[in-house]
N, C-alpha and C. Protein backbone atom coordinates (compact mmCIF):
# COMPACT_ATOMS: atom_id res chain seq x y z
N MET A 1 95.08 88.83 93.11
CA MET A 1 95.59 90.10 92.55
C MET A 1 95.98 89.87 91.59
N ASN A 2 95.79 90.34 90.50
CA ASN A 2 95.99 90.38 89.18
C ASN A 2 97.31 90.76 88.94
N GLN A 3 97.75 91.75 89.75
CA GLN A 3 99.36 92.27 89.30
C GLN A 3 100.19 91.72 90.62
N ARG A 4 101.29 91.07 90.06
CA ARG A 4 102.02 90.38 90.90
C ARG A 4 102.75 91.35 92.03
N TRP A 5 103.53 91.02 93.31
CA TRP A 5 103.71 91.92 94.04
C TRP A 5 105.26 92.60 93.66
N GLU A 6 106.03 92.00 92.98
CA GLU A 6 107.17 92.13 92.52
C GLU A 6 107.38 93.51 91.50
N SER A 7 106.32 93.91 90.97
CA SER A 7 106.15 95.30 90.33
C SER A 7 106.07 96.39 91.41
N ARG A 8 105.58 96.21 92.35
CA ARG A 8 105.27 97.18 93.52
C ARG A 8 106.54 97.12 94.83
N ILE A 9 107.05 96.16 95.23
CA ILE A 9 108.08 95.73 96.14
C ILE A 9 109.43 96.02 95.79
N GLU A 10 109.98 96.39 96.50
CA GLU A 10 111.64 96.51 96.16
C GLU A 10 112.52 96.07 97.63
N LEU A 11 113.84 95.22 97.27
CA LEU A 11 114.72 95.37 98.19
C LEU A 11 115.80 95.71 97.90
N ASN A 12 116.17 96.70 98.45
CA ASN A 12 117.49 97.55 98.12
C ASN A 12 118.12 97.55 99.24
N PRO A 13 119.67 97.25 99.42
CA PRO A 13 120.34 97.31 100.56
C PRO A 13 120.56 98.53 101.23
N LYS A 14 120.20 99.84 100.05
CA LYS A 14 120.67 101.33 100.46
C LYS A 14 119.33 101.64 101.07
N ILE A 15 118.37 101.21 101.14
CA ILE A 15 116.90 101.65 101.48
C ILE A 15 116.42 100.67 103.01
N LEU A 16 116.64 101.43 103.71
CA LEU A 16 116.28 100.57 105.25
C LEU A 16 116.76 99.36 105.21
N GLY A 17 118.19 99.19 104.98
CA GLY A 17 118.89 98.19 105.11
C GLY A 17 118.54 96.82 104.60
N GLY A 18 118.07 97.35 103.46
CA GLY A 18 117.19 95.90 102.51
C GLY A 18 115.96 95.48 102.84
N LYS A 19 115.25 96.02 103.89
CA LYS A 19 113.95 95.58 104.29
C LYS A 19 113.21 95.93 103.02
N PRO A 20 112.21 95.14 102.61
CA PRO A 20 111.37 95.22 101.77
C PRO A 20 110.55 96.43 101.52
N VAL A 21 110.08 97.30 100.49
CA VAL A 21 109.30 98.53 100.78
C VAL A 21 108.54 98.97 99.67
N ILE A 22 107.48 99.35 99.46
CA ILE A 22 106.92 99.78 98.22
C ILE A 22 107.90 100.73 97.27
N ARG A 23 108.12 99.91 96.39
CA ARG A 23 108.93 100.92 95.36
C ARG A 23 108.55 102.12 95.52
N GLY A 24 109.88 102.95 95.29
CA GLY A 24 110.00 104.49 95.10
C GLY A 24 109.84 105.18 96.55
N THR A 25 109.42 104.22 97.34
CA THR A 25 109.53 105.08 99.01
C THR A 25 110.14 104.27 99.99
N ARG A 26 110.13 104.60 101.35
CA ARG A 26 110.58 104.10 102.44
C ARG A 26 109.75 103.38 103.24
N ILE A 27 108.41 103.33 102.81
CA ILE A 27 107.50 102.74 103.33
C ILE A 27 107.63 100.81 102.82
N SER A 28 108.15 100.55 104.53
CA SER A 28 107.95 99.01 104.40
C SER A 28 107.16 98.41 104.73
N MET A 29 107.26 96.95 104.42
CA MET A 29 106.42 96.28 104.25
C MET A 29 105.66 95.67 106.07
N ASP A 30 106.76 95.96 106.89
CA ASP A 30 106.18 95.54 108.18
C ASP A 30 105.39 96.89 108.91
N LEU A 31 105.59 97.82 108.37
CA LEU A 31 105.05 99.00 108.70
C LEU A 31 103.49 98.97 108.07
N ILE A 32 103.34 98.55 106.80
CA ILE A 32 101.79 98.39 106.46
C ILE A 32 101.22 97.08 107.09
N LEU A 33 101.87 96.26 107.10
CA LEU A 33 101.30 95.06 107.76
C LEU A 33 100.99 95.15 109.33
N GLY A 34 102.14 95.96 110.02
CA GLY A 34 101.88 96.37 111.28
C GLY A 34 100.49 97.02 111.54
N SER A 35 100.24 98.04 110.44
CA SER A 35 98.95 99.04 110.58
C SER A 35 97.94 98.02 110.21
N LEU A 36 98.06 97.01 109.46
CA LEU A 36 96.59 96.33 109.10
C LEU A 36 96.17 95.64 110.70
N ALA A 37 97.44 94.92 111.12
CA ALA A 37 97.27 94.15 112.09
C ALA A 37 96.55 95.01 113.45
N GLU A 38 96.87 96.08 113.27
CA GLU A 38 96.31 97.14 114.41
C GLU A 38 94.98 97.71 114.12
N GLY A 39 94.31 97.10 113.15
CA GLY A 39 93.02 97.54 112.34
C GLY A 39 92.98 98.68 111.91
N ILE A 40 94.10 99.16 111.35
CA ILE A 40 93.93 100.40 110.69
C ILE A 40 93.58 100.32 109.06
N SER A 41 92.78 100.87 109.00
CA SER A 41 91.69 100.71 107.27
C SER A 41 92.88 100.76 106.41
N TYR A 42 92.56 100.46 105.08
CA TYR A 42 92.99 100.30 103.68
C TYR A 42 93.02 102.20 103.45
N ASP A 43 91.84 102.97 103.64
CA ASP A 43 91.76 104.46 103.44
C ASP A 43 92.56 104.97 104.40
N GLU A 44 92.77 104.89 105.62
CA GLU A 44 93.68 105.51 106.71
C GLU A 44 95.17 105.29 106.32
N ILE A 45 95.49 104.11 105.83
CA ILE A 45 97.03 103.79 105.61
C ILE A 45 97.29 104.53 103.91
N LYS A 46 96.67 104.63 103.34
CA LYS A 46 96.73 105.36 101.79
C LYS A 46 96.81 106.67 102.16
N SER A 47 95.83 107.43 103.17
CA SER A 47 96.37 108.47 103.51
C SER A 47 97.39 109.09 104.27
N GLU A 48 97.63 108.19 105.19
CA GLU A 48 99.07 108.53 106.22
C GLU A 48 100.40 108.35 105.58
N TYR A 49 100.30 107.48 104.60
CA TYR A 49 101.40 107.05 103.88
C TYR A 49 101.55 107.08 102.23
N GLY A 50 100.66 107.83 101.81
CA GLY A 50 100.69 108.45 100.55
C GLY A 50 100.93 107.14 99.35
N ILE A 51 100.11 105.99 99.68
CA ILE A 51 100.54 104.88 98.88
C ILE A 51 99.12 104.52 98.17
N LYS A 52 98.85 103.53 97.43
CA LYS A 52 97.99 103.10 96.99
C LYS A 52 97.27 101.89 97.68
N GLN A 53 95.64 101.47 97.32
CA GLN A 53 95.60 100.38 97.40
C GLN A 53 95.86 99.17 97.23
N ASP A 54 96.60 98.97 95.66
CA ASP A 54 97.67 98.16 95.35
C ASP A 54 98.33 97.95 95.93
N ASP A 55 99.18 98.69 96.46
CA ASP A 55 100.49 98.85 97.16
C ASP A 55 100.05 98.08 98.48
N ILE A 56 99.26 98.24 99.02
CA ILE A 56 98.76 97.52 100.05
C ILE A 56 98.42 95.93 100.02
N ARG A 57 97.96 96.02 98.84
CA ARG A 57 97.54 94.33 98.13
C ARG A 57 99.09 93.58 97.98
N ALA A 58 100.18 94.21 97.29
CA ALA A 58 101.08 93.70 97.09
C ALA A 58 101.83 93.45 98.70
N ALA A 59 101.88 94.42 99.51
CA ALA A 59 102.56 94.27 100.80
C ALA A 59 101.81 92.40 101.21
N LEU A 60 100.55 92.55 101.22
CA LEU A 60 99.77 91.04 101.49
C LEU A 60 100.46 90.16 100.76
N ALA A 61 100.27 90.23 99.48
CA ALA A 61 100.82 89.36 98.59
C ALA A 61 102.40 88.69 98.95
N TYR A 62 103.20 90.13 99.18
CA TYR A 62 104.79 89.45 99.42
C TYR A 62 104.75 88.75 100.62
N ALA A 63 103.79 89.01 101.87
CA ALA A 63 103.76 88.26 103.24
C ALA A 63 103.32 86.91 102.96
N SER A 64 102.36 86.78 101.98
CA SER A 64 101.61 85.48 101.89
C SER A 64 102.79 84.54 100.86
N ALA A 65 103.55 85.51 100.03
CA ALA A 65 104.43 84.25 99.45
C ALA A 65 105.87 84.18 100.39
N ALA A 66 106.15 85.10 101.13
CA ALA A 66 107.37 84.57 101.95
C ALA A 66 107.09 83.60 103.28
N LEU A 67 105.60 83.44 103.49
CA LEU A 67 105.18 82.62 104.34
C LEU A 67 105.01 81.63 103.91
N SER A 68 104.87 81.49 102.64
CA SER A 68 104.51 79.89 101.72
C SER A 68 105.97 79.45 101.32
N GLY A 69 106.83 80.09 101.38
CA GLY A 69 108.27 79.43 101.35
C GLY A 69 108.63 79.85 99.80
N GLU A 70 107.77 80.57 99.14
CA GLU A 70 108.56 81.27 98.09
C GLU A 70 109.88 82.12 97.98
N GLU A 71 110.16 82.01 96.83
CA GLU A 71 111.59 82.71 96.93
C GLU A 71 111.10 84.30 96.69
N VAL A 72 111.67 85.15 98.09
CA VAL A 72 110.89 86.31 97.77
C VAL A 72 111.91 87.61 97.40
N ALA A 73 113.25 87.14 97.82
CA ALA A 73 114.63 88.31 97.38
C ALA A 73 114.68 88.30 95.93
């Protein structure tokens, strides 16, 4: 991914209790990742939640960083 997830993901204690979300939305990483795990396509997710493909990629990059032990907060 050319663009780092930090530019698209925000953690704010005032939004969804501090869950990571797409910047400027209340669309959480767990919602996006859960949708992908259920087999929902990128196009369906983009349409349903009004986000961009780069937002979905940022969610995946964030999850990867979190699981690899990188600092994500």
